Amino acid sequence: MEITLPKCKAHESHTCEFFCKQCEAVICGKCLVSFHKKHEVEDLEDLCKSKGELIAKEHDMVRNAISLYQQLEMDIAVEEQVMKDQYRIIETDIVIHAEKLEAAVKKAKEQFLEQVIEKRVDDVLLLEQQRKDVIRNLEEARSMELFLPDRLDTCEKILSFCKLEVKSLPPVPKLQRISPPEFVPDTDHLERINDHFGNLVI
């Protein structure tokens, strides 16, 4: 690498060939033997070459860093797009899974309600049958009451009544009580829905 040495400001006909460390100034040979006689100096050309090589290396390092940063910037942009796509997929999967759970819950609700309706229909029929039996037996008891004499104060009345074929009444049944089903919700699943919903692997 060729280095152009400057002219001395104090001695214009001379070229600066030295660098005075004490004064931090470039000097010529004439300056060296006069004003800078006892000062520590370096060869200016050698100093400039060594400094120039350091600057060139620094320049190469900076250029390399710029190239790496530019590549990293592009990589970040690609990574950002990949991340957006992956998060979109995750969010869609969560929504789809939640919709499936909602559909399963809706189906379970419909099945439970269907069972309740069937049981209610059976219970209504049972009560209606009881009511019909009671009404029929009540009417029969009232019609039998008409055959009974008001007073049984003579042997003739008692004996004449005994000759009649009076149908005996069936025993009065007890009320068949209805026991509607009891729904016991599984609240543990509600409290642990996040644990049972799925796993988010991070």
N, C-alpha and C. Protein backbone atom coordinates (compact mmCIF):
# COMPACT_ATOMS: atom_id res chain seq x y z
N MET A 1 0.86 -1.19 0.00
CA MET A 1 0.00 0.00 0.00
C MET A 1 0.89 1.24 0.00
N GLU A 2 0.75 2.09 -1.05
CA GLU A 2 1.53 3.32 -1.18
C GLU A 2 0.95 4.39 -0.27
N ILE A 3 1.82 5.04 0.50
CA ILE A 3 1.41 6.11 1.40
C ILE A 3 2.04 7.42 0.92
N THR A 4 1.23 8.43 0.70
CA THR A 4 1.75 9.76 0.33
C THR A 4 2.04 10.54 1.59
N LEU A 5 3.30 10.88 1.78
CA LEU A 5 3.70 11.60 2.99
C LEU A 5 3.48 13.10 2.80
N PRO A 6 3.03 13.79 3.86
CA PRO A 6 2.75 15.23 3.74
C PRO A 6 4.03 16.08 3.78
N LYS A 7 3.95 17.32 3.26
CA LYS A 7 5.03 18.30 3.35
C LYS A 7 5.04 18.89 4.76
N CYS A 8 6.21 19.23 5.24
CA CYS A 8 6.34 19.81 6.58
C CYS A 8 5.86 21.26 6.55
N LYS A 9 5.04 21.61 7.51
CA LYS A 9 4.51 22.98 7.57
C LYS A 9 5.60 23.98 8.00
N ALA A 10 6.58 23.47 8.77
CA ALA A 10 7.66 24.36 9.23
C ALA A 10 8.77 24.47 8.19
N HIS A 11 8.99 23.36 7.47
CA HIS A 11 10.05 23.34 6.47
C HIS A 11 9.43 22.82 5.18
N GLU A 12 8.93 23.70 4.35
CA GLU A 12 8.11 23.32 3.19
C GLU A 12 8.86 22.50 2.16
N SER A 13 10.13 22.60 2.16
CA SER A 13 10.90 21.83 1.17
C SER A 13 11.17 20.41 1.64
N HIS A 14 10.79 20.13 2.84
CA HIS A 14 11.03 18.80 3.41
C HIS A 14 9.70 18.01 3.53
N THR A 15 9.80 16.71 3.44
CA THR A 15 8.64 15.82 3.60
C THR A 15 8.65 15.26 5.02
N CYS A 16 7.49 15.20 5.60
CA CYS A 16 7.38 14.64 6.96
C CYS A 16 7.58 13.13 6.88
N GLU A 17 8.54 12.65 7.64
CA GLU A 17 8.86 11.22 7.62
C GLU A 17 8.70 10.58 9.00
N PHE A 18 8.37 11.41 10.01
CA PHE A 18 8.30 10.90 11.38
C PHE A 18 7.01 11.37 12.05
N PHE A 19 6.66 10.65 13.13
CA PHE A 19 5.51 11.05 13.96
C PHE A 19 6.01 11.18 15.38
N CYS A 20 5.86 12.39 15.97
CA CYS A 20 6.29 12.66 17.33
C CYS A 20 5.17 12.23 18.28
N LYS A 21 5.45 11.21 19.10
CA LYS A 21 4.45 10.70 20.02
C LYS A 21 4.12 11.72 21.11
N GLN A 22 5.14 12.45 21.54
CA GLN A 22 4.93 13.40 22.63
C GLN A 22 4.04 14.56 22.18
N CYS A 23 4.31 15.05 20.97
CA CYS A 23 3.54 16.20 20.47
C CYS A 23 2.35 15.78 19.61
N GLU A 24 2.30 14.45 19.28
CA GLU A 24 1.24 13.92 18.41
C GLU A 24 1.17 14.73 17.11
N ALA A 25 2.34 14.87 16.48
CA ALA A 25 2.44 15.68 15.26
C ALA A 25 3.37 14.99 14.27
N VAL A 26 3.10 15.21 12.96
CA VAL A 26 4.00 14.70 11.92
C VAL A 26 5.13 15.71 11.74
N ILE A 27 6.36 15.22 11.60
CA ILE A 27 7.52 16.12 11.51
C ILE A 27 8.48 15.61 10.45
N CYS A 28 9.35 16.52 10.02
CA CYS A 28 10.38 16.15 9.04
C CYS A 28 11.70 15.89 9.78
N GLY A 29 12.73 15.53 9.01
CA GLY A 29 14.02 15.25 9.64
C GLY A 29 14.64 16.48 10.27
N LYS A 30 14.36 17.63 9.70
CA LYS A 30 14.91 18.87 10.24
C LYS A 30 14.25 19.20 11.58
N CYS A 31 12.92 18.94 11.66
CA CYS A 31 12.21 19.15 12.94
C CYS A 31 12.75 18.21 14.00
N LEU A 32 13.11 17.00 13.56
CA LEU A 32 13.55 15.98 14.50
C LEU A 32 14.84 16.38 15.21
N VAL A 33 15.74 17.03 14.49
CA VAL A 33 17.03 17.39 15.09
C VAL A 33 16.99 18.74 15.77
N SER A 34 15.81 19.39 15.70
CA SER A 34 15.72 20.72 16.34
C SER A 34 14.68 20.71 17.46
N PHE A 35 13.42 20.93 17.11
CA PHE A 35 12.36 21.06 18.13
C PHE A 35 12.01 19.74 18.83
N HIS A 36 12.23 18.62 18.17
CA HIS A 36 11.80 17.33 18.73
C HIS A 36 13.00 16.41 18.99
N LYS A 37 14.10 17.05 19.35
CA LYS A 37 15.37 16.33 19.44
C LYS A 37 15.32 15.15 20.40
N LYS A 38 14.74 15.30 21.56
CA LYS A 38 14.73 14.26 22.58
C LYS A 38 13.36 13.56 22.69
N HIS A 39 12.51 13.83 21.75
CA HIS A 39 11.16 13.22 21.77
C HIS A 39 11.18 11.82 21.14
N GLU A 40 10.25 11.00 21.60
CA GLU A 40 10.12 9.65 21.02
C GLU A 40 9.32 9.76 19.73
N VAL A 41 9.88 9.20 18.67
CA VAL A 41 9.21 9.31 17.37
C VAL A 41 9.07 7.92 16.74
N GLU A 42 8.19 7.86 15.72
CA GLU A 42 8.01 6.65 14.92
C GLU A 42 8.16 7.00 13.46
N ASP A 43 8.52 5.99 12.69
CA ASP A 43 8.57 6.19 11.24
C ASP A 43 7.14 6.40 10.74
N LEU A 44 6.91 7.51 10.08
CA LEU A 44 5.54 7.90 9.70
C LEU A 44 4.94 6.93 8.69
N GLU A 45 5.72 6.49 7.73
CA GLU A 45 5.20 5.58 6.70
C GLU A 45 4.81 4.24 7.33
N ASP A 46 5.70 3.72 8.21
CA ASP A 46 5.38 2.46 8.88
C ASP A 46 4.14 2.59 9.76
N LEU A 47 4.05 3.73 10.49
CA LEU A 47 2.89 3.97 11.34
C LEU A 47 1.61 4.02 10.54
N CYS A 48 1.65 4.76 9.41
CA CYS A 48 0.44 4.88 8.57
C CYS A 48 0.03 3.54 7.97
N LYS A 49 1.06 2.74 7.59
CA LYS A 49 0.74 1.43 7.02
C LYS A 49 0.07 0.53 8.06
N SER A 50 0.64 0.51 9.29
CA SER A 50 0.05 -0.35 10.33
C SER A 50 -1.35 0.13 10.72
N LYS A 51 -1.49 1.47 10.85
CA LYS A 51 -2.82 2.02 11.16
C LYS A 51 -3.80 1.77 10.03
N GLY A 52 -3.30 1.90 8.79
CA GLY A 52 -4.16 1.67 7.62
C GLY A 52 -4.66 0.24 7.55
N GLU A 53 -3.75 -0.69 7.89
CA GLU A 53 -4.16 -2.10 7.90
C GLU A 53 -5.24 -2.35 8.95
N LEU A 54 -5.09 -1.72 10.13
CA LEU A 54 -6.10 -1.86 11.18
C LEU A 54 -7.44 -1.29 10.73
N ILE A 55 -7.38 -0.12 10.09
CA ILE A 55 -8.62 0.52 9.61
C ILE A 55 -9.27 -0.35 8.54
N ALA A 56 -8.42 -0.93 7.63
CA ALA A 56 -8.96 -1.79 6.57
C ALA A 56 -9.66 -3.01 7.17
N LYS A 57 -8.98 -3.61 8.20
CA LYS A 57 -9.60 -4.75 8.88
C LYS A 57 -10.93 -4.35 9.53
N GLU A 58 -10.92 -3.17 10.19
CA GLU A 58 -12.15 -2.68 10.81
C GLU A 58 -13.24 -2.45 9.78
N HIS A 59 -12.80 -1.92 8.61
CA HIS A 59 -13.74 -1.68 7.51
C HIS A 59 -14.37 -3.01 7.05
N ASP A 60 -13.50 -4.03 6.90
CA ASP A 60 -14.00 -5.35 6.48
C ASP A 60 -14.96 -5.93 7.52
N MET A 61 -14.61 -5.74 8.80
CA MET A 61 -15.48 -6.25 9.87
C MET A 61 -16.84 -5.56 9.84
N VAL A 62 -16.83 -4.23 9.63
CA VAL A 62 -18.09 -3.47 9.58
C VAL A 62 -18.92 -3.92 8.39
N ARG A 63 -18.27 -4.07 7.22
CA ARG A 63 -19.01 -4.51 6.04
C ARG A 63 -19.61 -5.90 6.24
N ASN A 64 -18.81 -6.78 6.85
CA ASN A 64 -19.30 -8.14 7.13
C ASN A 64 -20.48 -8.10 8.11
N ALA A 65 -20.36 -7.24 9.14
CA ALA A 65 -21.46 -7.11 10.12
C ALA A 65 -22.72 -6.59 9.44
N ILE A 66 -22.55 -5.60 8.54
CA ILE A 66 -23.71 -5.05 7.82
C ILE A 66 -24.38 -6.14 7.00
N SER A 67 -23.55 -6.97 6.32
CA SER A 67 -24.10 -8.06 5.52
C SER A 67 -24.87 -9.05 6.39
N LEU A 68 -24.27 -9.37 7.56
CA LEU A 68 -24.93 -10.32 8.47
C LEU A 68 -26.23 -9.74 9.02
N TYR A 69 -26.20 -8.45 9.37
CA TYR A 69 -27.41 -7.81 9.89
C TYR A 69 -28.50 -7.76 8.82
N GLN A 70 -28.11 -7.50 7.58
CA GLN A 70 -29.10 -7.47 6.50
C GLN A 70 -29.73 -8.85 6.31
N GLN A 71 -28.87 -9.90 6.36
CA GLN A 71 -29.39 -11.25 6.24
C GLN A 71 -30.29 -11.59 7.41
N LEU A 72 -29.87 -11.16 8.62
CA LEU A 72 -30.67 -11.42 9.81
C LEU A 72 -32.02 -10.71 9.73
N GLU A 73 -32.00 -9.50 9.18
CA GLU A 73 -33.25 -8.75 9.02
C GLU A 73 -34.22 -9.49 8.11
N MET A 74 -33.67 -10.06 7.01
CA MET A 74 -34.52 -10.84 6.10
C MET A 74 -35.01 -12.12 6.77
N ASP A 75 -34.12 -12.75 7.56
CA ASP A 75 -34.51 -13.97 8.26
C ASP A 75 -35.62 -13.69 9.28
N ILE A 76 -35.53 -12.54 9.95
CA ILE A 76 -36.57 -12.17 10.92
C ILE A 76 -37.91 -11.98 10.22
N ALA A 77 -37.89 -11.36 9.03
CA ALA A 77 -39.13 -11.16 8.28
C ALA A 77 -39.75 -12.50 7.90
N VAL A 78 -38.90 -13.46 7.48
CA VAL A 78 -39.40 -14.80 7.14
C VAL A 78 -39.95 -15.49 8.38
N GLU A 79 -39.20 -15.38 9.49
CA GLU A 79 -39.62 -16.00 10.75
C GLU A 79 -40.95 -15.40 11.22
N GLU A 80 -41.10 -14.10 11.02
CA GLU A 80 -42.35 -13.43 11.43
C GLU A 80 -43.54 -13.98 10.65
N GLN A 81 -43.35 -14.20 9.34
CA GLN A 81 -44.44 -14.72 8.54
C GLN A 81 -44.78 -16.15 8.94
N VAL A 82 -43.72 -16.96 9.18
CA VAL A 82 -43.93 -18.35 9.63
C VAL A 82 -44.68 -18.36 10.96
N MET A 83 -44.25 -17.45 11.87
CA MET A 83 -44.90 -17.37 13.18
C MET A 83 -46.38 -17.01 13.05
N LYS A 84 -46.67 -16.02 12.18
CA LYS A 84 -48.06 -15.61 11.98
C LYS A 84 -48.89 -16.77 11.45
N ASP A 85 -48.32 -17.51 10.49
CA ASP A 85 -49.05 -18.65 9.93
C ASP A 85 -49.29 -19.72 10.99
N GLN A 86 -48.27 -19.98 11.81
CA GLN A 86 -48.41 -21.02 12.84
C GLN A 86 -49.43 -20.61 13.89
N TYR A 87 -49.41 -19.32 14.30
CA TYR A 87 -50.39 -18.86 15.28
C TYR A 87 -51.80 -18.89 14.69
N ARG A 88 -51.92 -18.60 13.41
CA ARG A 88 -53.24 -18.66 12.77
C ARG A 88 -53.76 -20.09 12.79
N ILE A 89 -52.87 -21.05 12.54
CA ILE A 89 -53.26 -22.47 12.56
C ILE A 89 -53.67 -22.88 13.97
N ILE A 90 -52.86 -22.47 14.97
CA ILE A 90 -53.17 -22.81 16.36
C ILE A 90 -54.53 -22.26 16.77
N GLU A 91 -54.76 -20.98 16.46
CA GLU A 91 -56.03 -20.35 16.83
C GLU A 91 -57.20 -21.03 16.14
N THR A 92 -57.01 -21.41 14.87
CA THR A 92 -58.07 -22.12 14.13
C THR A 92 -58.34 -23.48 14.76
N ASP A 93 -57.26 -24.19 15.13
CA ASP A 93 -57.42 -25.51 15.77
C ASP A 93 -58.18 -25.40 17.09
N ILE A 94 -57.86 -24.36 17.86
CA ILE A 94 -58.55 -24.17 19.15
C ILE A 94 -60.04 -23.90 18.92
N VAL A 95 -60.34 -23.05 17.94
CA VAL A 95 -61.74 -22.73 17.64
C VAL A 95 -62.49 -23.98 17.18
N ILE A 96 -61.86 -24.76 16.28
CA ILE A 96 -62.50 -25.99 15.79
C ILE A 96 -62.73 -26.97 16.93
N HIS A 97 -61.72 -27.11 17.80
CA HIS A 97 -61.86 -28.03 18.94
C HIS A 97 -62.98 -27.57 19.87
N ALA A 98 -63.03 -26.25 20.11
CA ALA A 98 -64.09 -25.71 20.97
C ALA A 98 -65.47 -25.95 20.35
N GLU A 99 -65.56 -25.78 19.03
CA GLU A 99 -66.84 -26.03 18.34
C GLU A 99 -67.25 -27.50 18.46
N LYS A 100 -66.27 -28.40 18.39
CA LYS A 100 -66.58 -29.83 18.55
C LYS A 100 -67.09 -30.11 19.97
N LEU A 101 -66.42 -29.47 20.96
CA LEU A 101 -66.88 -29.64 22.33
C LEU A 101 -68.29 -29.07 22.51
N GLU A 102 -68.54 -27.92 21.92
CA GLU A 102 -69.87 -27.32 22.01
C GLU A 102 -70.91 -28.23 21.38
N ALA A 103 -70.55 -28.83 20.22
CA ALA A 103 -71.47 -29.76 19.57
C ALA A 103 -71.73 -30.99 20.44
N ALA A 104 -70.65 -31.48 21.09
CA ALA A 104 -70.80 -32.64 21.98
C ALA A 104 -71.67 -32.30 23.18
N VAL A 105 -71.46 -31.09 23.74
CA VAL A 105 -72.28 -30.64 24.87
C VAL A 105 -73.74 -30.50 24.44
N LYS A 106 -73.96 -29.93 23.26
CA LYS A 106 -75.33 -29.77 22.76
C LYS A 106 -76.00 -31.13 22.57
N LYS A 107 -75.24 -32.11 22.03
CA LYS A 107 -75.79 -33.44 21.84
C LYS A 107 -76.13 -34.08 23.18
N ALA A 108 -75.21 -33.93 24.15
CA ALA A 108 -75.46 -34.49 25.49
C ALA A 108 -76.70 -33.84 26.11
N LYS A 109 -76.83 -32.53 25.95
CA LYS A 109 -78.00 -31.82 26.48
C LYS A 109 -79.28 -32.37 25.86
N GLU A 110 -79.26 -32.55 24.54
CA GLU A 110 -80.46 -33.06 23.85
C GLU A 110 -80.80 -34.47 24.32
N GLN A 111 -79.76 -35.30 24.52
CA GLN A 111 -80.01 -36.67 24.97
C GLN A 111 -80.58 -36.70 26.38
N PHE A 112 -80.03 -35.85 27.26
CA PHE A 112 -80.56 -35.78 28.63
C PHE A 112 -81.99 -35.27 28.63
N LEU A 113 -82.26 -34.24 27.86
CA LEU A 113 -83.63 -33.70 27.80
C LEU A 113 -84.60 -34.73 27.23
N GLU A 114 -84.13 -35.48 26.24
CA GLU A 114 -84.98 -36.52 25.64
C GLU A 114 -85.34 -37.59 26.69
N GLN A 115 -84.35 -37.98 27.48
CA GLN A 115 -84.62 -38.95 28.54
C GLN A 115 -85.59 -38.40 29.58
N VAL A 116 -85.43 -37.12 29.92
CA VAL A 116 -86.33 -36.48 30.89
C VAL A 116 -87.75 -36.44 30.35
N ILE A 117 -87.88 -36.09 29.06
CA ILE A 117 -89.21 -36.00 28.45
C ILE A 117 -89.87 -37.39 28.44
N GLU A 118 -89.09 -38.41 28.09
CA GLU A 118 -89.64 -39.78 28.09
C GLU A 118 -90.11 -40.19 29.49
N LYS A 119 -89.30 -39.87 30.48
CA LYS A 119 -89.69 -40.21 31.86
C LYS A 119 -90.92 -39.44 32.29
N ARG A 120 -90.99 -38.17 31.89
CA ARG A 120 -92.15 -37.35 32.26
C ARG A 120 -93.42 -37.90 31.61
N VAL A 121 -93.31 -38.33 30.35
CA VAL A 121 -94.48 -38.91 29.66
C VAL A 121 -94.94 -40.16 30.40
N ASP A 122 -93.97 -41.01 30.81
CA ASP A 122 -94.32 -42.23 31.55
C ASP A 122 -95.00 -41.88 32.88
N ASP A 123 -94.47 -40.88 33.56
CA ASP A 123 -95.03 -40.48 34.85
C ASP A 123 -96.43 -39.89 34.69
N VAL A 124 -96.63 -39.10 33.65
CA VAL A 124 -97.97 -38.53 33.38
C VAL A 124 -98.97 -39.65 33.10
N LEU A 125 -98.54 -40.64 32.28
CA LEU A 125 -99.43 -41.78 31.99
C LEU A 125 -99.76 -42.56 33.26
N LEU A 126 -98.76 -42.73 34.12
CA LEU A 126 -98.99 -43.44 35.38
C LEU A 126 -100.00 -42.71 36.25
N LEU A 127 -99.85 -41.39 36.35
CA LEU A 127 -100.81 -40.60 37.14
C LEU A 127 -102.21 -40.65 36.52
N GLU A 128 -102.28 -40.59 35.21
CA GLU A 128 -103.58 -40.62 34.54
C GLU A 128 -104.26 -41.98 34.76
N GLN A 129 -103.47 -43.03 34.72
CA GLN A 129 -104.04 -44.35 34.96
C GLN A 129 -104.56 -44.46 36.39
N GLN A 130 -103.78 -43.91 37.34
CA GLN A 130 -104.25 -43.89 38.73
C GLN A 130 -105.55 -43.12 38.85
N ARG A 131 -105.59 -41.96 38.17
CA ARG A 131 -106.80 -41.13 38.24
C ARG A 131 -108.00 -41.88 37.67
N LYS A 132 -107.82 -42.55 36.51
CA LYS A 132 -108.92 -43.31 35.91
C LYS A 132 -109.39 -44.43 36.83
N ASP A 133 -108.45 -45.15 37.43
CA ASP A 133 -108.81 -46.24 38.34
C ASP A 133 -109.57 -45.70 39.55
N VAL A 134 -109.12 -44.60 40.06
CA VAL A 134 -109.79 -44.00 41.23
C VAL A 134 -111.20 -43.56 40.86
N ILE A 135 -111.34 -42.90 39.71
CA ILE A 135 -112.67 -42.42 39.29
C ILE A 135 -113.61 -43.60 39.06
N ARG A 136 -113.09 -44.66 38.40
CA ARG A 136 -113.92 -45.83 38.14
C ARG A 136 -114.35 -46.49 39.45
N ASN A 137 -113.42 -46.68 40.35
CA ASN A 137 -113.75 -47.32 41.64
C ASN A 137 -114.65 -46.43 42.49
N LEU A 138 -114.46 -45.13 42.38
CA LEU A 138 -115.31 -44.20 43.13
C LEU A 138 -116.76 -44.27 42.62
N GLU A 139 -116.91 -44.32 41.30
CA GLU A 139 -118.26 -44.44 40.73
C GLU A 139 -118.91 -45.76 41.14
N GLU A 140 -118.10 -46.81 41.12
CA GLU A 140 -118.62 -48.12 41.50
C GLU A 140 -119.03 -48.13 42.97
N ALA A 141 -118.24 -47.49 43.81
CA ALA A 141 -118.58 -47.42 45.24
C ALA A 141 -119.85 -46.62 45.44
N ARG A 142 -120.04 -45.55 44.69
CA ARG A 142 -121.24 -44.73 44.82
C ARG A 142 -122.49 -45.50 44.35
N SER A 143 -122.29 -46.28 43.26
CA SER A 143 -123.46 -47.07 42.78
C SER A 143 -123.82 -48.16 43.79
N MET A 144 -122.79 -48.75 44.44
CA MET A 144 -123.05 -49.77 45.45
C MET A 144 -123.72 -49.15 46.67
N GLU A 145 -123.39 -47.90 46.91
CA GLU A 145 -123.97 -47.24 48.08
C GLU A 145 -125.49 -47.15 47.95
N LEU A 146 -125.96 -47.09 46.66
CA LEU A 146 -127.41 -46.97 46.44
C LEU A 146 -128.15 -48.24 46.85
N PHE A 147 -127.45 -49.41 46.77
CA PHE A 147 -128.07 -50.68 47.14
C PHE A 147 -128.14 -50.87 48.65
N LEU A 148 -127.31 -50.18 49.35
CA LEU A 148 -127.28 -50.36 50.79
C LEU A 148 -128.52 -49.72 51.43
N PRO A 149 -129.18 -50.46 52.30
CA PRO A 149 -130.35 -49.86 52.97
C PRO A 149 -129.91 -48.75 53.93
N ASP A 150 -130.81 -47.81 54.07
CA ASP A 150 -130.49 -46.71 54.97
C ASP A 150 -130.38 -47.21 56.41
N ARG A 151 -131.30 -48.12 56.75
CA ARG A 151 -131.30 -48.61 58.14
C ARG A 151 -131.36 -50.14 58.14
N LEU A 152 -130.61 -50.76 58.97
CA LEU A 152 -130.63 -52.22 59.16
C LEU A 152 -131.12 -52.49 60.59
N ASP A 153 -132.40 -52.20 60.77
CA ASP A 153 -132.92 -52.32 62.14
C ASP A 153 -133.82 -53.55 62.33
N THR A 154 -134.01 -54.33 61.18
CA THR A 154 -134.82 -55.56 61.36
C THR A 154 -134.10 -56.72 60.72
N CYS A 155 -134.47 -57.92 61.19
CA CYS A 155 -133.88 -59.13 60.63
C CYS A 155 -134.24 -59.29 59.16
N GLU A 156 -135.46 -58.91 58.80
CA GLU A 156 -135.90 -59.05 57.42
C GLU A 156 -135.04 -58.21 56.48
N LYS A 157 -134.76 -57.00 56.88
CA LYS A 157 -133.93 -56.13 56.03
C LYS A 157 -132.53 -56.69 55.89
N ILE A 158 -132.01 -57.19 56.99
CA ILE A 158 -130.66 -57.72 56.95
C ILE A 158 -130.59 -58.96 56.08
N LEU A 159 -131.55 -59.86 56.24
CA LEU A 159 -131.54 -61.09 55.46
C LEU A 159 -131.82 -60.84 53.98
N SER A 160 -132.74 -59.93 53.70
CA SER A 160 -133.05 -59.63 52.31
C SER A 160 -131.81 -58.99 51.61
N PHE A 161 -131.09 -58.22 52.35
CA PHE A 161 -129.89 -57.59 51.76
C PHE A 161 -128.80 -58.63 51.51
N CYS A 162 -128.71 -59.58 52.40
CA CYS A 162 -127.70 -60.61 52.25
C CYS A 162 -127.95 -61.48 51.04
N LYS A 163 -129.22 -61.58 50.61
CA LYS A 163 -129.56 -62.39 49.45
C LYS A 163 -129.11 -61.72 48.15
N LEU A 164 -128.93 -60.42 48.19
CA LEU A 164 -128.50 -59.71 46.99
C LEU A 164 -127.03 -60.04 46.68
N GLU A 165 -126.77 -60.19 45.44
CA GLU A 165 -125.37 -60.41 45.03
C GLU A 165 -124.72 -59.04 44.83
N VAL A 166 -124.08 -58.58 45.86
CA VAL A 166 -123.43 -57.27 45.81
C VAL A 166 -121.95 -57.47 45.54
N LYS A 167 -121.51 -56.82 44.50
CA LYS A 167 -120.10 -56.94 44.12
C LYS A 167 -119.23 -56.26 45.17
N SER A 168 -118.22 -56.96 45.57
CA SER A 168 -117.34 -56.37 46.59
C SER A 168 -116.39 -55.37 45.94
N LEU A 169 -116.09 -54.32 46.66
CA LEU A 169 -115.17 -53.30 46.16
C LEU A 169 -113.72 -53.75 46.32
N PRO A 170 -112.89 -53.38 45.37
CA PRO A 170 -111.45 -53.67 45.57
C PRO A 170 -110.90 -52.76 46.66
N PRO A 171 -109.83 -53.18 47.30
CA PRO A 171 -109.25 -52.31 48.33
C PRO A 171 -108.75 -51.00 47.72
N VAL A 172 -108.89 -49.97 48.51
CA VAL A 172 -108.44 -48.65 48.03
C VAL A 172 -106.92 -48.65 47.99
N PRO A 173 -106.36 -48.42 46.80
CA PRO A 173 -104.90 -48.48 46.71
C PRO A 173 -104.25 -47.22 47.31
N LYS A 174 -102.99 -47.37 47.61
CA LYS A 174 -102.24 -46.20 48.04
C LYS A 174 -101.81 -45.39 46.82
N LEU A 175 -101.60 -44.14 47.05
CA LEU A 175 -101.15 -43.26 45.97
C LEU A 175 -99.75 -43.69 45.53
N GLN A 176 -99.65 -43.91 44.23
CA GLN A 176 -98.32 -44.20 43.69
C GLN A 176 -97.60 -42.87 43.44
N ARG A 177 -96.68 -42.58 44.30
CA ARG A 177 -95.98 -41.30 44.19
C ARG A 177 -94.98 -41.32 43.03
N ILE A 178 -94.89 -40.19 42.39
CA ILE A 178 -93.97 -40.05 41.25
C ILE A 178 -92.63 -39.52 41.75
N SER A 179 -91.59 -40.14 41.29
CA SER A 179 -90.25 -39.68 41.64
C SER A 179 -89.53 -39.24 40.36
N PRO A 180 -89.63 -37.95 40.06
CA PRO A 180 -88.92 -37.45 38.86
C PRO A 180 -87.42 -37.68 39.00
N PRO A 181 -86.74 -37.85 37.88
CA PRO A 181 -85.29 -38.07 37.97
C PRO A 181 -84.59 -36.82 38.51
N GLU A 182 -83.48 -37.04 39.13
CA GLU A 182 -82.69 -35.91 39.65
C GLU A 182 -81.44 -35.77 38.79
N PHE A 183 -81.21 -34.56 38.33
CA PHE A 183 -80.01 -34.30 37.52
C PHE A 183 -78.89 -33.81 38.44
N VAL A 184 -77.77 -34.53 38.41
CA VAL A 184 -76.60 -34.16 39.22
C VAL A 184 -75.48 -33.76 38.25
N PRO A 185 -75.28 -32.47 38.05
CA PRO A 185 -74.24 -32.04 37.10
C PRO A 185 -72.84 -32.36 37.61
N ASP A 186 -71.99 -32.71 36.66
CA ASP A 186 -70.58 -32.99 37.01
C ASP A 186 -69.83 -31.67 36.96
N THR A 187 -69.83 -30.95 38.08
CA THR A 187 -69.20 -29.63 38.12
C THR A 187 -67.68 -29.70 38.15
N ASP A 188 -67.13 -30.89 38.45
CA ASP A 188 -65.66 -31.02 38.47
C ASP A 188 -65.08 -30.71 37.11
N HIS A 189 -65.77 -31.15 36.05
CA HIS A 189 -65.27 -30.90 34.70
C HIS A 189 -65.31 -29.41 34.37
N LEU A 190 -66.31 -28.72 34.90
CA LEU A 190 -66.38 -27.28 34.65
C LEU A 190 -65.21 -26.57 35.31
N GLU A 191 -64.89 -26.99 36.54
CA GLU A 191 -63.80 -26.35 37.26
C GLU A 191 -62.44 -26.69 36.65
N ARG A 192 -62.38 -27.85 35.96
CA ARG A 192 -61.10 -28.26 35.38
C ARG A 192 -61.15 -28.26 33.86
N ILE A 193 -62.01 -27.39 33.30
CA ILE A 193 -62.19 -27.39 31.85
C ILE A 193 -60.89 -27.07 31.12
N ASN A 194 -60.08 -26.17 31.70
CA ASN A 194 -58.81 -25.83 31.05
C ASN A 194 -57.87 -27.02 31.00
N ASP A 195 -57.90 -27.86 32.07
CA ASP A 195 -57.02 -29.03 32.12
C ASP A 195 -57.44 -30.09 31.10
N HIS A 196 -58.77 -30.18 30.87
CA HIS A 196 -59.30 -31.22 29.99
C HIS A 196 -59.52 -30.72 28.57
N PHE A 197 -59.35 -29.41 28.34
CA PHE A 197 -59.62 -28.86 27.00
C PHE A 197 -58.57 -29.30 26.01
N GLY A 198 -57.32 -29.37 26.46
CA GLY A 198 -56.22 -29.75 25.57
C GLY A 198 -54.90 -29.31 26.17
N ASN A 199 -53.85 -29.50 25.41
CA ASN A 199 -52.51 -29.11 25.85
C ASN A 199 -51.90 -28.12 24.86
N LEU A 200 -51.36 -27.04 25.39
CA LEU A 200 -50.66 -26.05 24.57
C LEU A 200 -49.17 -26.23 24.82
N VAL A 201 -48.49 -26.86 23.86
CA VAL A 201 -47.07 -27.16 24.01
C VAL A 201 -46.27 -25.93 23.58
N ILE A 202 -45.59 -25.33 24.54
CA ILE A 202 -44.82 -24.10 24.25
C ILE A 202 -43.33 -24.42 24.28
